[in-house]
Structure formats: C-alpha cells, structure tokens
C-alpha cells in the first residue's frame, strides 16, 4: 500500500473515531464501519482522480482486487469495469490491511496508531 493511501485511510479512521462511529464497544466491526458500510468514494470521475492522486495504475488496482477475490473466494466474483467499483474494493482491501496492522485493543490505541502514520 502506498504511503499516501495509508495516510489518507488513517485520517479516515481518525475522523470516524472523532465522530463516535468507531468505539471500544464495536471493535470487532471497525473495518466494516470504516470501509464496508458505505462507499468510500462515489462517482467515476472522483474515483479516477483518486487513483491518479495516489499514482495507482488502473490495471494494477484491478489486479490487486482480483488477486484478493481469488485468495479469499477461489474465484472472481466482481466485474471491475469502472473506477468506482475498483477504488471502493481497493479501499476495502487496504483498510483491512491497515486494521490488521494495528495491534492494540482500544480506541485510544487506534487513535495513537493512526496519528503515528
């Protein structure tokens, strides 16, 4: 994951902590609330620009998403035929990596972790 993406997603987590969406009581659902409950970005143009902003090649992003699906489900289940689908799945995957990298137990520790990125 590129540093710019990691920083952006850490800031997204911080915003959700500050808004009270992520709490100590819903620790098992942090990834869901942060990266799966709603689209991270909406609109083909916005998603295309997001890929450019982070210098991510479209085909590289599609390959990451397809590799993830193959590893998790044994087959491709999604058509990555537009930037919105691709970016939102990529953010889902990178969000999972970021949450898995975190080794703490509390919101305070998650906040400190995100600030350190």
C-alpha atoms as a PDB file:
ATOM      1  CA  UNK A   1       0.000   0.000   0.000  1.00  0.00           C
ATOM      2  CA  UNK A   2       1.353   3.384  -0.941  1.00  0.00           C
ATOM      3  CA  UNK A   3       2.185   5.773   1.893  1.00  0.00           C
ATOM      4  CA  UNK A   4      -0.248   8.380   0.594  1.00  0.00           C
ATOM      5  CA  UNK A   5      -3.119   5.865   0.681  1.00  0.00           C
ATOM      6  CA  UNK A   6      -2.134   4.641   4.150  1.00  0.00           C
ATOM      7  CA  UNK A   7      -2.082   8.216   5.451  1.00  0.00           C
ATOM      8  CA  UNK A   8      -5.454   9.013   3.883  1.00  0.00           C
ATOM      9  CA  UNK A   9      -7.087   5.891   5.311  1.00  0.00           C
ATOM     10  CA  UNK A  10      -5.574   6.543   8.750  1.00  0.00           C
ATOM     11  CA  UNK A  11      -7.086  10.040   8.622  1.00  0.00           C
ATOM     12  CA  UNK A  12     -10.413   8.479   7.630  1.00  0.00           C
ATOM     13  CA  UNK A  13     -10.218   6.273  10.740  1.00  0.00           C
ATOM     14  CA  UNK A  14      -9.399   9.307  12.884  1.00  0.00           C
ATOM     15  CA  UNK A  15     -12.459  11.130  11.536  1.00  0.00           C
ATOM     16  CA  UNK A  16     -14.652   8.143  12.370  1.00  0.00           C
ATOM     17  CA  UNK A  17     -13.188   7.977  15.884  1.00  0.00           C
ATOM     18  CA  UNK A  18     -13.806  11.693  16.386  1.00  0.00           C
ATOM     19  CA  UNK A  19     -17.372  11.313  15.076  1.00  0.00           C
ATOM     20  CA  UNK A  20     -18.048   8.478  17.509  1.00  0.00           C
ATOM     21  CA  UNK A  21     -18.600   5.882  14.782  1.00  0.00           C
ATOM     22  CA  UNK A  22     -15.712   3.707  15.961  1.00  0.00           C
ATOM     23  CA  UNK A  23     -15.815   2.926  19.668  1.00  0.00           C
ATOM     24  CA  UNK A  24     -14.414   0.441  22.133  1.00  0.00           C
ATOM     25  CA  UNK A  25     -17.810  -1.267  22.088  1.00  0.00           C
ATOM     26  CA  UNK A  26     -17.727  -2.080  18.358  1.00  0.00           C
ATOM     27  CA  UNK A  27     -14.071  -3.081  17.964  1.00  0.00           C
ATOM     28  CA  UNK A  28     -14.943  -6.258  16.037  1.00  0.00           C
ATOM     29  CA  UNK A  29     -16.752  -4.141  13.457  1.00  0.00           C
ATOM     30  CA  UNK A  30     -14.221  -1.331  12.936  1.00  0.00           C
ATOM     31  CA  UNK A  31     -13.325  -2.479   9.436  1.00  0.00           C
ATOM     32  CA  UNK A  32     -16.980  -2.852   8.487  1.00  0.00           C
ATOM     33  CA  UNK A  33     -17.930   0.614   9.729  1.00  0.00           C
ATOM     34  CA  UNK A  34     -14.880   2.283   8.205  1.00  0.00           C
ATOM     35  CA  UNK A  35     -14.562   0.560   4.852  1.00  0.00           C
ATOM     36  CA  UNK A  36     -17.638  -1.503   4.049  1.00  0.00           C
ATOM     37  CA  UNK A  37     -20.766   0.093   5.474  1.00  0.00           C
ATOM     38  CA  UNK A  38     -20.868   2.692   2.716  1.00  0.00           C
ATOM     39  CA  UNK A  39     -18.925   3.625  -0.396  1.00  0.00           C
ATOM     40  CA  UNK A  40     -15.619   5.306   0.357  1.00  0.00           C
ATOM     41  CA  UNK A  41     -15.907   7.363  -2.824  1.00  0.00           C
ATOM     42  CA  UNK A  42     -18.817   7.935  -5.179  1.00  0.00           C
ATOM     43  CA  UNK A  43     -18.574   8.788  -8.854  1.00  0.00           C
ATOM     44  CA  UNK A  44     -16.445   7.515 -11.685  1.00  0.00           C
ATOM     45  CA  UNK A  45     -14.626  10.816 -12.065  1.00  0.00           C
ATOM     46  CA  UNK A  46     -13.829  11.118  -8.339  1.00  0.00           C
ATOM     47  CA  UNK A  47     -12.543   7.567  -8.282  1.00  0.00           C
ATOM     48  CA  UNK A  48     -10.425   8.058 -11.405  1.00  0.00           C
ATOM     49  CA  UNK A  49      -8.914  11.160  -9.834  1.00  0.00           C
ATOM     50  CA  UNK A  50      -8.268   9.247  -6.582  1.00  0.00           C
ATOM     51  CA  UNK A  51      -6.250   6.640  -8.495  1.00  0.00           C
ATOM     52  CA  UNK A  52      -4.267   9.411 -10.210  1.00  0.00           C
ATOM     53  CA  UNK A  53      -3.731  11.272  -6.931  1.00  0.00           C
ATOM     54  CA  UNK A  54      -2.169   8.172  -5.407  1.00  0.00           C
ATOM     55  CA  UNK A  55      -0.324   7.229  -8.604  1.00  0.00           C
ATOM     56  CA  UNK A  56      -2.064   3.869  -8.854  1.00  0.00           C
ATOM     57  CA  UNK A  57      -2.366   2.352 -12.297  1.00  0.00           C
ATOM     58  CA  UNK A  58      -5.893   1.201 -13.130  1.00  0.00           C
ATOM     59  CA  UNK A  59      -4.734  -2.258 -14.165  1.00  0.00           C
ATOM     60  CA  UNK A  60      -2.616  -2.593 -11.030  1.00  0.00           C
ATOM     61  CA  UNK A  61      -5.677  -1.745  -8.925  1.00  0.00           C
ATOM     62  CA  UNK A  62      -7.818  -4.275 -10.788  1.00  0.00           C
ATOM     63  CA  UNK A  63      -5.145  -6.954 -10.366  1.00  0.00           C
ATOM     64  CA  UNK A  64      -4.969  -6.326  -6.604  1.00  0.00           C
ATOM     65  CA  UNK A  65      -8.747  -6.645  -6.324  1.00  0.00           C
ATOM     66  CA  UNK A  66      -8.877  -9.807  -8.433  1.00  0.00           C
ATOM     67  CA  UNK A  67      -5.990 -11.403  -6.527  1.00  0.00           C
ATOM     68  CA  UNK A  68      -7.810 -10.670  -3.266  1.00  0.00           C
ATOM     69  CA  UNK A  69     -11.018 -12.267  -4.519  1.00  0.00           C
ATOM     70  CA  UNK A  70      -9.158 -15.292  -5.824  1.00  0.00           C
ATOM     71  CA  UNK A  71      -7.361 -15.735  -2.500  1.00  0.00           C
ATOM     72  CA  UNK A  72     -10.492 -15.232  -0.381  1.00  0.00           C
ATOM     73  CA  UNK A  73     -13.173 -16.870  -2.517  1.00  0.00           C
ATOM     74  CA  UNK A  74     -11.305 -19.052  -5.001  1.00  0.00           C
ATOM     75  CA  UNK A  75     -12.815 -17.161  -7.938  1.00  0.00           C
ATOM     76  CA  UNK A  76     -13.544 -13.705  -9.293  1.00  0.00           C
ATOM     77  CA  UNK A  77     -16.984 -12.543  -8.216  1.00  0.00           C
ATOM     78  CA  UNK A  78     -16.889  -8.881  -9.214  1.00  0.00           C
ATOM     79  CA  UNK A  79     -16.534  -7.138 -12.558  1.00  0.00           C
ATOM     80  CA  UNK A  80     -14.031  -4.318 -12.210  1.00  0.00           C
ATOM     81  CA  UNK A  81     -15.268  -2.456 -15.248  1.00  0.00           C
ATOM     82  CA  UNK A  82     -15.409   1.016 -13.730  1.00  0.00           C
ATOM     83  CA  UNK A  83     -13.263   3.121 -11.390  1.00  0.00           C
ATOM     84  CA  UNK A  84     -15.923   3.339  -8.664  1.00  0.00           C
ATOM     85  CA  UNK A  85     -16.124  -0.422  -8.139  1.00  0.00           C
ATOM     86  CA  UNK A  86     -12.352  -0.763  -8.324  1.00  0.00           C
ATOM     87  CA  UNK A  87     -11.482   2.055  -5.906  1.00  0.00           C
ATOM     88  CA  UNK A  88     -14.053   1.039  -3.322  1.00  0.00           C
ATOM     89  CA  UNK A  89     -12.832  -2.563  -3.348  1.00  0.00           C
ATOM     90  CA  UNK A  90      -9.220  -1.411  -3.210  1.00  0.00           C
ATOM     91  CA  UNK A  91     -10.001   0.773  -0.195  1.00  0.00           C
ATOM     92  CA  UNK A  92     -11.789  -2.198   1.408  1.00  0.00           C
ATOM     93  CA  UNK A  93      -8.649  -4.325   0.938  1.00  0.00           C
ATOM     94  CA  UNK A  94      -6.221  -1.635   2.097  1.00  0.00           C
ATOM     95  CA  UNK A  95      -8.492  -0.822   5.043  1.00  0.00           C
ATOM     96  CA  UNK A  96      -8.386  -4.455   6.067  1.00  0.00           C
ATOM     97  CA  UNK A  97      -4.576  -4.401   5.871  1.00  0.00           C
ATOM     98  CA  UNK A  98      -4.450  -1.236   7.978  1.00  0.00           C
ATOM     99  CA  UNK A  99      -6.780  -2.599  10.668  1.00  0.00           C
ATOM    100  CA  UNK A 100      -4.831  -5.878  10.725  1.00  0.00           C
ATOM    101  CA  UNK A 101      -1.578  -3.953  11.147  1.00  0.00           C
ATOM    102  CA  UNK A 102      -2.993  -2.342  14.294  1.00  0.00           C
ATOM    103  CA  UNK A 103      -2.093  -4.409  17.352  1.00  0.00           C
ATOM    104  CA  UNK A 104      -3.918  -2.560  20.104  1.00  0.00           C
ATOM    105  CA  UNK A 105      -7.255  -3.074  21.787  1.00  0.00           C
ATOM    106  CA  UNK A 106      -8.748   0.349  22.482  1.00  0.00           C
ATOM    107  CA  UNK A 107      -9.925   3.401  20.577  1.00  0.00           C
ATOM    108  CA  UNK A 108      -7.189   5.443  22.239  1.00  0.00           C
ATOM    109  CA  UNK A 109      -4.578   2.999  20.938  1.00  0.00           C
ATOM    110  CA  UNK A 110      -6.156   3.064  17.457  1.00  0.00           C
ATOM    111  CA  UNK A 111      -6.131   6.852  17.514  1.00  0.00           C
ATOM    112  CA  UNK A 112      -2.454   6.903  18.538  1.00  0.00           C
ATOM    113  CA  UNK A 113      -1.678   4.339  15.837  1.00  0.00           C
ATOM    114  CA  UNK A 114      -3.388   6.450  13.164  1.00  0.00           C
ATOM    115  CA  UNK A 115      -1.670   9.634  14.330  1.00  0.00           C
ATOM    116  CA  UNK A 116       1.708   7.882  14.091  1.00  0.00           C
ATOM    117  CA  UNK A 117       1.149   7.112  10.413  1.00  0.00           C
END
